[in-house]
C-alpha atoms as a PDB file:
ATOM      1  CA  MET A   1      24.082   6.075 -17.077  1.00  0.00           C
ATOM      2  CA  LYS A   2      25.184   5.225 -13.542  1.00  0.00           C
ATOM      3  CA  MET A   3      25.003   8.898 -12.582  1.00  0.00           C
ATOM      4  CA  ARG A   4      21.456   9.110 -13.992  1.00  0.00           C
ATOM      5  CA  GLN A   5      20.494   5.980 -12.076  1.00  0.00           C
ATOM      6  CA  ASN A   6      21.804   7.519  -8.841  1.00  0.00           C
ATOM      7  CA  GLN A   7      19.983  10.794  -9.545  1.00  0.00           C
ATOM      8  CA  ASN A   8      16.740   8.909 -10.131  1.00  0.00           C
ATOM      9  CA  LEU A   9      17.237   6.848  -6.982  1.00  0.00           C
ATOM     10  CA  VAL A  10      17.630  10.017  -4.930  1.00  0.00           C
ATOM     11  CA  SER A  11      14.555  11.599  -6.505  1.00  0.00           C
ATOM     12  CA  CYS A  12      12.510   8.403  -6.208  1.00  0.00           C
ATOM     13  CA  LYS A  13      12.949   8.500  -2.446  1.00  0.00           C
ATOM     14  CA  LYS A  14      10.728  11.557  -2.605  1.00  0.00           C
ATOM     15  CA  SER A  15       8.113   9.926  -4.851  1.00  0.00           C
ATOM     16  CA  LYS A  16       5.013   9.028  -2.873  1.00  0.00           C
ATOM     17  CA  ALA A  17       3.594   7.074  -5.822  1.00  0.00           C
ATOM     18  CA  GLU A  18       6.647   4.811  -6.031  1.00  0.00           C
ATOM     19  CA  SER A  19       6.650   4.295  -2.272  1.00  0.00           C
ATOM     20  CA  TRP A  20       2.965   3.361  -2.560  1.00  0.00           C
ATOM     21  CA  MET A  21       3.793   0.798  -5.254  1.00  0.00           C
ATOM     22  CA  ALA A  22       6.750  -0.547  -3.246  1.00  0.00           C
ATOM     23  CA  ASP A  23       4.323  -1.304  -0.423  1.00  0.00           C
ATOM     24  CA  LYS A  24       2.077  -3.177  -2.885  1.00  0.00           C
ATOM     25  CA  LEU A  25       5.008  -5.213  -4.231  1.00  0.00           C
ATOM     26  CA  GLU A  26       5.843  -6.354  -0.698  1.00  0.00           C
ATOM     27  CA  SER A  27       2.885  -8.734  -1.036  1.00  0.00           C
ATOM     28  CA  THR A  28       4.664 -10.625  -3.845  1.00  0.00           C
ATOM     29  CA  LYS A  29       7.174 -12.266  -1.503  1.00  0.00           C
ATOM     30  CA  PRO A  30       9.404 -14.219  -1.964  1.00  0.00           C
ATOM     31  CA  PHE A  31      10.137 -12.131  -5.071  1.00  0.00           C
ATOM     32  CA  LYS A  32      12.651  -9.364  -4.503  1.00  0.00           C
ATOM     33  CA  TRP A  33      12.236  -6.042  -6.308  1.00  0.00           C
ATOM     34  CA  THR A  34      15.053  -3.643  -7.114  1.00  0.00           C
ATOM     35  CA  ARG A  35      14.192   0.048  -7.360  1.00  0.00           C
ATOM     36  CA  GLN A  36      15.562   2.190 -10.189  1.00  0.00           C
ATOM     37  CA  ALA A  37      17.182  -0.783 -11.922  1.00  0.00           C
ATOM     38  CA  GLN A  38      18.959  -0.435 -15.242  1.00  0.00           C
ATOM     39  CA  TRP A  39      18.489  -2.925 -18.074  1.00  0.00           C
ATOM     40  CA  GLY A  40      20.395  -1.918 -21.188  1.00  0.00           C
ATOM     41  CA  ILE A  41      19.420   1.684 -21.786  1.00  0.00           C
ATOM     42  CA  ARG A  42      16.160   1.378 -19.845  1.00  0.00           C
ATOM     43  CA  LEU A  43      15.782   2.432 -16.246  1.00  0.00           C
ATOM     44  CA  PHE A  44      12.840   0.737 -14.514  1.00  0.00           C
ATOM     45  CA  ASP A  45      11.084   1.922 -11.361  1.00  0.00           C
ATOM     46  CA  PHE A  46      10.972  -1.679 -10.090  1.00  0.00           C
ATOM     47  CA  TRP A  47      12.658  -4.773 -11.497  1.00  0.00           C
ATOM     48  CA  ASN A  48      12.565  -8.477 -10.692  1.00  0.00           C
ATOM     49  CA  TYR A  49      15.337 -10.386 -12.441  1.00  0.00           C
ATOM     50  CA  LYS A  50      13.978 -13.875 -11.783  1.00  0.00           C
ATOM     51  CA  LEU A  51      10.612 -13.053 -13.337  1.00  0.00           C
ATOM     52  CA  GLY A  52      11.941 -10.677 -16.005  1.00  0.00           C
ATOM     53  CA  ILE A  53       9.232  -8.212 -15.009  1.00  0.00           C
ATOM     54  CA  ALA A  54       9.520  -4.475 -14.616  1.00  0.00           C
ATOM     55  CA  VAL A  55       6.910  -2.266 -12.983  1.00  0.00           C
ATOM     56  CA  GLU A  56       6.688   1.344 -14.080  1.00  0.00           C
ATOM     57  CA  VAL A  57       4.727   3.826 -11.975  1.00  0.00           C
ATOM     58  CA  ASP A  58       3.406   6.379 -14.447  1.00  0.00           C
ATOM     59  CA  GLY A  59       2.587   9.967 -13.695  1.00  0.00           C
ATOM     60  CA  SER A  60       1.385  12.631 -16.091  1.00  0.00           C
ATOM     61  CA  GLU A  61       4.908  13.095 -17.483  1.00  0.00           C
ATOM     62  CA  HIS A  62       4.783   9.748 -19.291  1.00  0.00           C
ATOM     63  CA  VAL A  63       3.924   9.653 -22.991  1.00  0.00           C
ATOM     64  CA  HIS A  64       1.733   6.561 -23.310  1.00  0.00           C
ATOM     65  CA  ASN A  65       2.346   5.729 -26.993  1.00  0.00           C
ATOM     66  CA  ILE A  66       6.118   6.059 -26.690  1.00  0.00           C
ATOM     67  CA  ASP A  67       6.192   3.986 -23.490  1.00  0.00           C
ATOM     68  CA  ILE A  68       4.091   1.212 -25.052  1.00  0.00           C
ATOM     69  CA  THR A  69       6.412   1.074 -28.074  1.00  0.00           C
ATOM     70  CA  LYS A  70       9.504   0.778 -25.838  1.00  0.00           C
ATOM     71  CA  ASP A  71       7.767  -1.934 -23.795  1.00  0.00           C
ATOM     72  CA  ARG A  72       6.944  -3.968 -26.921  1.00  0.00           C
ATOM     73  CA  VAL A  73      10.553  -3.753 -28.099  1.00  0.00           C
ATOM     74  CA  ASP A  74      11.782  -4.938 -24.685  1.00  0.00           C
ATOM     75  CA  TYR A  75       9.416  -7.906 -24.845  1.00  0.00           C
ATOM     76  CA  VAL A  76      10.371  -8.977 -28.369  1.00  0.00           C
ATOM     77  CA  VAL A  77      14.110  -8.502 -27.870  1.00  0.00           C
ATOM     78  CA  SER A  78      14.463  -9.900 -24.351  1.00  0.00           C
ATOM     79  CA  GLY A  79      11.170 -11.299 -23.061  1.00  0.00           C
ATOM     80  CA  ILE A  80      10.881  -8.543 -20.449  1.00  0.00           C
ATOM     81  CA  VAL A  81       7.327  -7.700 -19.443  1.00  0.00           C
ATOM     82  CA  VAL A  82       6.757  -4.106 -18.387  1.00  0.00           C
ATOM     83  CA  LEU A  83       3.692  -3.573 -16.228  1.00  0.00           C
ATOM     84  CA  ARG A  84       2.448   0.026 -16.141  1.00  0.00           C
ATOM     85  CA  VAL A  85       0.644   1.324 -13.070  1.00  0.00           C
ATOM     86  CA  ARG A  86      -0.756   4.838 -13.002  1.00  0.00           C
ATOM     87  CA  ASN A  87       0.040   6.816  -9.852  1.00  0.00           C
ATOM     88  CA  PHE A  88      -2.123   5.629  -6.939  1.00  0.00           C
ATOM     89  CA  ASN A  89      -4.427   3.640  -9.265  1.00  0.00           C
ATOM     90  CA  GLU A  90      -5.635   0.662  -7.204  1.00  0.00           C
ATOM     91  CA  ASP A  91      -7.124  -1.093 -10.249  1.00  0.00           C
ATOM     92  CA  ASP A  92      -3.825  -0.943 -12.192  1.00  0.00           C
ATOM     93  CA  ALA A  93      -1.903  -2.100  -9.120  1.00  0.00           C
ATOM     94  CA  GLY A  94      -4.292  -5.000  -8.558  1.00  0.00           C
ATOM     95  CA  LYS A  95      -3.958  -6.140 -12.186  1.00  0.00           C
ATOM     96  CA  ALA A  96      -0.164  -5.914 -11.975  1.00  0.00           C
ATOM     97  CA  LEU A  97      -0.053  -7.939  -8.754  1.00  0.00           C
ATOM     98  CA  LEU A  98      -2.353 -10.559 -10.259  1.00  0.00           C
ATOM     99  CA  TYR A  99      -0.136 -10.821 -13.334  1.00  0.00           C
ATOM    100  CA  ILE A 100       2.952 -11.172 -11.134  1.00  0.00           C
ATOM    101  CA  SER A 101       1.327 -13.907  -9.045  1.00  0.00           C
ATOM    102  CA  ARG A 102       0.461 -15.909 -12.166  1.00  0.00           C
ATOM    103  CA  SER A 103       3.665 -15.239 -14.056  1.00  0.00           C
ATOM    104  CA  GLY A 104       6.038 -17.965 -15.101  1.00  0.00           C
ATOM    105  CA  SER A 105       9.779 -17.560 -15.079  1.00  0.00           C
ATOM    106  CA  TRP A 106      11.599 -15.204 -17.380  1.00  0.00           C
ATOM    107  CA  ASN A 107      13.383 -18.153 -18.997  1.00  0.00           C
ATOM    108  CA  ASP A 108      10.063 -19.872 -19.770  1.00  0.00           C
ATOM    109  CA  ARG A 109       8.978 -16.724 -21.603  1.00  0.00           C
ATOM    110  CA  ARG A 110      12.333 -16.414 -23.359  1.00  0.00           C
ATOM    111  CA  LYS A 111      12.055 -20.034 -24.515  1.00  0.00           C
ATOM    112  CA  LEU A 112       8.690 -19.275 -26.134  1.00  0.00           C
ATOM    113  CA  LEU A 113      10.319 -16.336 -27.921  1.00  0.00           C
ATOM    114  CA  ASN A 114      13.262 -18.516 -29.075  1.00  0.00           C
ATOM    115  CA  LEU A 115      15.734 -16.489 -26.998  1.00  0.00           C
ATOM    116  CA  LYS A 116      18.716 -17.821 -25.086  1.00  0.00           C
ATOM    117  CA  PRO A 117      18.117 -18.393 -21.360  1.00  0.00           C
ATOM    118  CA  VAL A 118      19.481 -15.957 -18.797  1.00  0.00           C
ATOM    119  CA  LYS A 119      21.273 -17.028 -15.638  1.00  0.00           C
ATOM    120  CA  THR A 120      18.920 -16.527 -12.708  1.00  0.00           C
END
């Protein structure tokens, strides 16, 4: 998995859509975002551990129904919220940034789901 993560990190440096989203996420300071972060078997484009939020930048290669199912499982099992932003879609990006700005902590969400807290 580590090799795949490194391969994706190298290829993501070439992704204009992910660079575009990275610029958008800069506005969410003080939150720090990690690119190509692994959580279990998932590899997220952007990840914030404190918030328990992942941002996925979706191009045409994504299969919407499969992605949504994986995202629901992540939420139920761990309280992770996956925000999906279509490539260069300003409306999706704006909604994601609004959600991030209004989001509570990951542990607050986990408490509502009766899950053990994580160390943040």
